[in-house]
Amino acid sequence: MPRSRRLERTVAVKCARPDDVLAGRRLIKEGRYAARLRHPHIVGVCDVLQDGADGACRVVMEYVPWPPPR
């Protein structure tokens, strides 16, 4: 399970393949739009990363366990 050292919490990471530039651009755009949303049924975006060590684009989101606690 990925963990953010900076935020000190578990996160979910959505990645685009490094060899698919168009998918990377779409993912970054999606992450930027999602970061503007605030709703109890939409996970929050913590960060949008480009050009990592492998060249992939990533969106870092809050982790929501499934099934949700009752």
PDB file of N, CA and C in Angstrom:
ATOM      1  N   MET A   1       0.847  -1.174   0.000  1.00  0.00           N
ATOM      2  CA  MET A   1       0.000   0.000   0.000  1.00  0.00           C
ATOM      3  C   MET A   1       0.898   1.245   0.000  1.00  0.00           C
ATOM      4  N   PRO A   2       0.726   2.146  -0.972  1.00  0.00           N
ATOM      5  CA  PRO A   2       1.555   3.353  -1.010  1.00  0.00           C
ATOM      6  C   PRO A   2       1.270   4.252   0.188  1.00  0.00           C
ATOM      7  N   ARG A   3       2.306   4.865   0.694  1.00  0.00           N
ATOM      8  CA  ARG A   3       2.179   5.770   1.835  1.00  0.00           C
ATOM      9  C   ARG A   3       2.938   7.050   1.536  1.00  0.00           C
ATOM     10  N   SER A   4       2.297   8.181   1.748  1.00  0.00           N
ATOM     11  CA  SER A   4       2.937   9.474   1.546  1.00  0.00           C
ATOM     12  C   SER A   4       3.766   9.818   2.774  1.00  0.00           C
ATOM     13  N   ARG A   5       5.062  10.004   2.571  1.00  0.00           N
ATOM     14  CA  ARG A   5       5.917  10.400   3.698  1.00  0.00           C
ATOM     15  C   ARG A   5       5.608  11.821   4.124  1.00  0.00           C
ATOM     16  N   ARG A   6       5.334  12.674   3.142  1.00  0.00           N
ATOM     17  CA  ARG A   6       5.056  14.080   3.432  1.00  0.00           C
ATOM     18  C   ARG A   6       3.745  14.245   4.197  1.00  0.00           C
ATOM     19  N   LEU A   7       2.715  13.498   3.793  1.00  0.00           N
ATOM     20  CA  LEU A   7       1.401  13.611   4.423  1.00  0.00           C
ATOM     21  C   LEU A   7       1.212  12.640   5.578  1.00  0.00           C
ATOM     22  N   GLU A   8       2.098  11.651   5.688  1.00  0.00           N
ATOM     23  CA  GLU A   8       2.045  10.623   6.728  1.00  0.00           C
ATOM     24  C   GLU A   8       0.704   9.901   6.752  1.00  0.00           C
ATOM     25  N   ARG A   9       0.278   9.457   5.567  1.00  0.00           N
ATOM     26  CA  ARG A   9      -0.951   8.687   5.464  1.00  0.00           C
ATOM     27  C   ARG A   9      -0.907   7.806   4.225  1.00  0.00           C
ATOM     28  N   THR A  10      -1.794   6.810   4.199  1.00  0.00           N
ATOM     29  CA  THR A  10      -1.911   5.917   3.066  1.00  0.00           C
ATOM     30  C   THR A  10      -2.613   6.651   1.924  1.00  0.00           C
ATOM     31  N   VAL A  11      -2.124   6.444   0.707  1.00  0.00           N
ATOM     32  CA  VAL A  11      -2.687   7.112  -0.468  1.00  0.00           C
ATOM     33  C   VAL A  11      -2.922   6.086  -1.572  1.00  0.00           C
ATOM     34  N   ALA A  12      -3.720   6.467  -2.545  1.00  0.00           N
ATOM     35  CA  ALA A  12      -3.918   5.682  -3.764  1.00  0.00           C
ATOM     36  C   ALA A  12      -3.221   6.427  -4.897  1.00  0.00           C
ATOM     37  N   VAL A  13      -2.590   5.694  -5.805  1.00  0.00           N
ATOM     38  CA  VAL A  13      -1.849   6.315  -6.900  1.00  0.00           C
ATOM     39  C   VAL A  13      -2.375   5.765  -8.227  1.00  0.00           C
ATOM     40  N   LYS A  14      -2.767   6.676  -9.116  1.00  0.00           N
ATOM     41  CA  LYS A  14      -3.219   6.313 -10.457  1.00  0.00           C
ATOM     42  C   LYS A  14      -2.116   6.725 -11.422  1.00  0.00           C
ATOM     43  N   CYS A  15      -1.664   5.806 -12.260  1.00  0.00           N
ATOM     44  CA  CYS A  15      -0.513   6.051 -13.140  1.00  0.00           C
ATOM     45  C   CYS A  15      -0.893   5.879 -14.610  1.00  0.00           C
ATOM     46  N   ALA A  16      -0.205   6.638 -15.449  1.00  0.00           N
ATOM     47  CA  ALA A  16      -0.286   6.447 -16.897  1.00  0.00           C
ATOM     48  C   ALA A  16       1.020   5.789 -17.342  1.00  0.00           C
ATOM     49  N   ARG A  17       0.949   4.953 -18.349  1.00  0.00           N
ATOM     50  CA  ARG A  17       2.161   4.302 -18.845  1.00  0.00           C
ATOM     51  C   ARG A  17       3.149   5.341 -19.361  1.00  0.00           C
ATOM     52  N   PRO A  18       4.437   5.168 -19.074  1.00  0.00           N
ATOM     53  CA  PRO A  18       5.434   6.151 -19.499  1.00  0.00           C
ATOM     54  C   PRO A  18       5.538   6.308 -21.018  1.00  0.00           C
ATOM     55  N   ASP A  19       5.194   5.267 -21.775  1.00  0.00           N
ATOM     56  CA  ASP A  19       5.326   5.336 -23.233  1.00  0.00           C
ATOM     57  C   ASP A  19       4.088   5.910 -23.921  1.00  0.00           C
ATOM     58  N   ASP A  20       3.044   6.246 -23.151  1.00  0.00           N
ATOM     59  CA  ASP A  20       1.809   6.795 -23.720  1.00  0.00           C
ATOM     60  C   ASP A  20       1.673   8.254 -23.299  1.00  0.00           C
ATOM     61  N   VAL A  21       2.226   9.166 -24.106  1.00  0.00           N
ATOM     62  CA  VAL A  21       2.253  10.601 -23.781  1.00  0.00           C
ATOM     63  C   VAL A  21       0.841  11.174 -23.709  1.00  0.00           C
ATOM     64  N   LEU A  22      -0.026  10.772 -24.632  1.00  0.00           N
ATOM     65  CA  LEU A  22      -1.395  11.288 -24.647  1.00  0.00           C
ATOM     66  C   LEU A  22      -2.143  10.884 -23.378  1.00  0.00           C
ATOM     67  N   ALA A  23      -2.005   9.644 -22.956  1.00  0.00           N
ATOM     68  CA  ALA A  23      -2.657   9.187 -21.726  1.00  0.00           C
ATOM     69  C   ALA A  23      -2.121   9.957 -20.523  1.00  0.00           C
ATOM     70  N   GLY A  24      -0.832  10.261 -20.514  1.00  0.00           N
ATOM     71  CA  GLY A  24      -0.247  11.050 -19.430  1.00  0.00           C
ATOM     72  C   GLY A  24      -0.835  12.441 -19.361  1.00  0.00           C
ATOM     73  N   ARG A  25      -1.002  13.074 -20.513  1.00  0.00           N
ATOM     74  CA  ARG A  25      -1.599  14.416 -20.547  1.00  0.00           C
ATOM     75  C   ARG A  25      -3.048  14.388 -20.059  1.00  0.00           C
ATOM     76  N   ARG A  26      -3.794  13.357 -20.490  1.00  0.00           N
ATOM     77  CA  ARG A  26      -5.189  13.238 -20.049  1.00  0.00           C
ATOM     78  C   ARG A  26      -5.274  13.000 -18.541  1.00  0.00           C
ATOM     79  N   LEU A  27      -4.363  12.191 -18.016  1.00  0.00           N
ATOM     80  CA  LEU A  27      -4.360  11.903 -16.581  1.00  0.00           C
ATOM     81  C   LEU A  27      -4.053  13.160 -15.767  1.00  0.00           C
ATOM     82  N   ILE A  28      -3.090  13.950 -16.207  1.00  0.00           N
ATOM     83  CA  ILE A  28      -2.761  15.204 -15.517  1.00  0.00           C
ATOM     84  C   ILE A  28      -3.966  16.145 -15.547  1.00  0.00           C
ATOM     85  N   LYS A  29      -4.621  16.242 -16.692  1.00  0.00           N
ATOM     86  CA  LYS A  29      -5.804  17.094 -16.818  1.00  0.00           C
ATOM     87  C   LYS A  29      -6.921  16.607 -15.890  1.00  0.00           C
ATOM     88  N   GLU A  30      -7.137  15.292 -15.870  1.00  0.00           N
ATOM     89  CA  GLU A  30      -8.144  14.697 -14.995  1.00  0.00           C
ATOM     90  C   GLU A  30      -7.838  15.016 -13.531  1.00  0.00           C
ATOM     91  N   GLY A  31      -6.576  14.877 -13.144  1.00  0.00           N
ATOM     92  CA  GLY A  31      -6.180  15.148 -11.763  1.00  0.00           C
ATOM     93  C   GLY A  31      -6.399  16.599 -11.369  1.00  0.00           C
ATOM     94  N   ARG A  32      -6.099  17.503 -12.281  1.00  0.00           N
ATOM     95  CA  ARG A  32      -6.301  18.936 -12.001  1.00  0.00           C
ATOM     96  C   ARG A  32      -7.781  19.270 -11.841  1.00  0.00           C
ATOM     97  N   TYR A  33      -8.615  18.703 -12.696  1.00  0.00           N
ATOM     98  CA  TYR A  33     -10.055  18.944 -12.572  1.00  0.00           C
ATOM     99  C   TYR A  33     -10.602  18.312 -11.290  1.00  0.00           C
ATOM    100  N   ALA A  34     -10.189  17.093 -10.993  1.00  0.00           N
ATOM    101  CA  ALA A  34     -10.673  16.403  -9.795  1.00  0.00           C
ATOM    102  C   ALA A  34     -10.232  17.124  -8.520  1.00  0.00           C
ATOM    103  N   ALA A  35      -9.082  17.773  -8.542  1.00  0.00           N
ATOM    104  CA  ALA A  35      -8.593  18.499  -7.365  1.00  0.00           C
ATOM    105  C   ALA A  35      -9.493  19.680  -7.017  1.00  0.00           C
ATOM    106  N   ARG A  36     -10.258  20.173  -7.969  1.00  0.00           N
ATOM    107  CA  ARG A  36     -11.155  21.310  -7.730  1.00  0.00           C
ATOM    108  C   ARG A  36     -12.470  20.891  -7.070  1.00  0.00           C
ATOM    109  N   LEU A  37     -12.774  19.590  -7.108  1.00  0.00           N
ATOM    110  CA  LEU A  37     -14.059  19.099  -6.602  1.00  0.00           C
ATOM    111  C   LEU A  37     -14.013  18.836  -5.106  1.00  0.00           C
ATOM    112  N   ARG A  38     -15.095  19.150  -4.429  1.00  0.00           N
ATOM    113  CA  ARG A  38     -15.261  18.840  -3.010  1.00  0.00           C
ATOM    114  C   ARG A  38     -16.649  18.227  -2.838  1.00  0.00           C
ATOM    115  N   HIS A  39     -16.679  16.933  -2.530  1.00  0.00           N
ATOM    116  CA  HIS A  39     -17.944  16.232  -2.356  1.00  0.00           C
ATOM    117  C   HIS A  39     -17.675  14.996  -1.514  1.00  0.00           C
ATOM    118  N   PRO A  40     -18.581  14.624  -0.607  1.00  0.00           N
ATOM    119  CA  PRO A  40     -18.338  13.469   0.259  1.00  0.00           C
ATOM    120  C   PRO A  40     -18.203  12.137  -0.488  1.00  0.00           C
ATOM    121  N   HIS A  41     -18.694  12.064  -1.728  1.00  0.00           N
ATOM    122  CA  HIS A  41     -18.623  10.814  -2.493  1.00  0.00           C
ATOM    123  C   HIS A  41     -17.525  10.821  -3.557  1.00  0.00           C
ATOM    124  N   ILE A  42     -16.644  11.810  -3.522  1.00  0.00           N
ATOM    125  CA  ILE A  42     -15.526  11.894  -4.466  1.00  0.00           C
ATOM    126  C   ILE A  42     -14.234  11.960  -3.662  1.00  0.00           C
ATOM    127  N   VAL A  43     -13.281  11.082  -3.978  1.00  0.00           N
ATOM    128  CA  VAL A  43     -12.004  11.102  -3.248  1.00  0.00           C
ATOM    129  C   VAL A  43     -11.239  12.378  -3.580  1.00  0.00           C
ATOM    130  N   GLY A  44     -10.491  12.873  -2.616  1.00  0.00           N
ATOM    131  CA  GLY A  44      -9.699  14.078  -2.811  1.00  0.00           C
ATOM    132  C   GLY A  44      -8.370  13.782  -3.489  1.00  0.00           C
ATOM    133  N   VAL A  45      -7.909  14.720  -4.281  1.00  0.00           N
ATOM    134  CA  VAL A  45      -6.611  14.602  -4.949  1.00  0.00           C
ATOM    135  C   VAL A  45      -5.570  15.303  -4.075  1.00  0.00           C
ATOM    136  N   CYS A  46      -4.494  14.590  -3.747  1.00  0.00           N
ATOM    137  CA  CYS A  46      -3.424  15.142  -2.918  1.00  0.00           C
ATOM    138  C   CYS A  46      -2.337  15.797  -3.759  1.00  0.00           C
ATOM    139  N   ASP A  47      -2.036  15.215  -4.924  1.00  0.00           N
ATOM    140  CA  ASP A  47      -0.941  15.721  -5.740  1.00  0.00           C
ATOM    141  C   ASP A  47      -1.062  15.196  -7.164  1.00  0.00           C
ATOM    142  N   VAL A  48      -0.481  15.926  -8.103  1.00  0.00           N
ATOM    143  CA  VAL A  48      -0.378  15.511  -9.501  1.00  0.00           C
ATOM    144  C   VAL A  48       1.098  15.583  -9.845  1.00  0.00           C
ATOM    145  N   LEU A  49       1.669  14.473 -10.308  1.00  0.00           N
ATOM    146  CA  LEU A  49       3.108  14.395 -10.563  1.00  0.00           C
ATOM    147  C   LEU A  49       3.369  14.094 -12.034  1.00  0.00           C
ATOM    148  N   GLN A  50       4.358  14.769 -12.590  1.00  0.00           N
ATOM    149  CA  GLN A  50       4.797  14.518 -13.958  1.00  0.00           C
ATOM    150  C   GLN A  50       6.282  14.200 -13.956  1.00  0.00           C
ATOM    151  N   ASP A  51       6.703  13.425 -14.959  1.00  0.00           N
ATOM    152  CA  ASP A  51       8.117  13.147 -15.181  1.00  0.00           C
ATOM    153  C   ASP A  51       8.830  12.603 -13.953  1.00  0.00           C
ATOM    154  N   GLY A  52       8.304  11.502 -13.435  1.00  0.00           N
ATOM    155  CA  GLY A  52       8.989  10.811 -12.364  1.00  0.00           C
ATOM    156  C   GLY A  52      10.246  10.154 -12.897  1.00  0.00           C
ATOM    157  N   ALA A  53      10.863   9.328 -12.119  1.00  0.00           N
ATOM    158  CA  ALA A  53      12.103   8.664 -12.524  1.00  0.00           C
ATOM    159  C   ALA A  53      11.904   7.833 -13.794  1.00  0.00           C
ATOM    160  N   ASP A  54      10.690   7.277 -13.962  1.00  0.00           N
ATOM    161  CA  ASP A  54      10.421   6.456 -15.145  1.00  0.00           C
ATOM    162  C   ASP A  54       9.664   7.219 -16.228  1.00  0.00           C
ATOM    163  N   GLY A  55       9.389   8.515 -16.020  1.00  0.00           N
ATOM    164  CA  GLY A  55       8.702   9.315 -17.021  1.00  0.00           C
ATOM    165  C   GLY A  55       7.188   9.222 -16.997  1.00  0.00           C
ATOM    166  N   ALA A  56       6.622   8.478 -16.052  1.00  0.00           N
ATOM    167  CA  ALA A  56       5.173   8.315 -15.982  1.00  0.00           C
ATOM    168  C   ALA A  56       4.518   9.501 -15.283  1.00  0.00           C
ATOM    169  N   CYS A  57       3.245   9.709 -15.579  1.00  0.00           N
ATOM    170  CA  CYS A  57       2.447  10.721 -14.896  1.00  0.00           C
ATOM    171  C   CYS A  57       1.618  10.014 -13.836  1.00  0.00           C
ATOM    172  N   ARG A  58       1.414  10.690 -12.699  1.00  0.00           N
ATOM    173  CA  ARG A  58       0.697  10.080 -11.586  1.00  0.00           C
ATOM    174  C   ARG A  58      -0.242  11.083 -10.930  1.00  0.00           C
ATOM    175  N   VAL A  59      -1.367  10.568 -10.440  1.00  0.00           N
ATOM    176  CA  VAL A  59      -2.274  11.354  -9.612  1.00  0.00           C
ATOM    177  C   VAL A  59      -2.321  10.645  -8.260  1.00  0.00           C
ATOM    178  N   VAL A  60      -2.011  11.375  -7.199  1.00  0.00           N
ATOM    179  CA  VAL A  60      -2.013  10.836  -5.837  1.00  0.00           C
ATOM    180  C   VAL A  60      -3.313  11.275  -5.176  1.00  0.00           C
ATOM    181  N   MET A  61      -4.087  10.282  -4.710  1.00  0.00           N
ATOM    182  CA  MET A  61      -5.404  10.554  -4.137  1.00  0.00           C
ATOM    183  C   MET A  61      -5.501   9.973  -2.741  1.00  0.00           C
ATOM    184  N   GLU A  62      -6.492  10.463  -1.990  1.00  0.00           N
ATOM    185  CA  GLU A  62      -6.727   9.873  -0.683  1.00  0.00           C
ATOM    186  C   GLU A  62      -7.143   8.418  -0.868  1.00  0.00           C
ATOM    187  N   TYR A  63      -6.745   7.570   0.057  1.00  0.00           N
ATOM    188  CA  TYR A  63      -7.093   6.157   0.002  1.00  0.00           C
ATOM    189  C   TYR A  63      -8.391   5.937   0.762  1.00  0.00           C
ATOM    190  N   VAL A  64      -9.325   5.243   0.128  1.00  0.00           N
ATOM    191  CA  VAL A  64     -10.600   4.895   0.764  1.00  0.00           C
ATOM    192  C   VAL A  64     -10.684   3.377   0.804  1.00  0.00           C
ATOM    193  N   PRO A  65     -10.681   2.775   2.002  1.00  0.00           N
ATOM    194  CA  PRO A  65     -10.769   1.301   2.081  1.00  0.00           C
ATOM    195  C   PRO A  65     -12.112   0.794   1.577  1.00  0.00           C
ATOM    196  N   TRP A  66     -12.103  -0.404   0.997  1.00  0.00           N
ATOM    197  CA  TRP A  66     -13.333  -1.013   0.504  1.00  0.00           C
ATOM    198  C   TRP A  66     -13.467  -2.391   1.072  1.00  0.00           C
ATOM    199  N   PRO A  67     -14.579  -2.794   1.580  1.00  0.00           N
ATOM    200  CA  PRO A  67     -15.808  -2.034   1.677  1.00  0.00           C
ATOM    201  C   PRO A  67     -15.715  -0.946   2.743  1.00  0.00           C
ATOM    202  N   PRO A  68     -16.498   0.122   2.579  1.00  0.00           N
ATOM    203  CA  PRO A  68     -16.434   1.208   3.562  1.00  0.00           C
ATOM    204  C   PRO A  68     -16.912   0.770   4.923  1.00  0.00           C
ATOM    205  N   PRO A  69     -16.361   1.323   5.997  1.00  0.00           N
ATOM    206  CA  PRO A  69     -16.818   0.965   7.337  1.00  0.00           C
ATOM    207  C   PRO A  69     -18.266   1.393   7.555  1.00  0.00           C
ATOM    208  N   ARG A  70     -18.983   0.613   8.296  1.00  0.00           N
ATOM    209  CA  ARG A  70     -20.399   0.935   8.542  1.00  0.00           C
ATOM    210  C   ARG A  70     -20.584   1.489   9.921  1.00  0.00           C
TER     211      ARG A  70
END
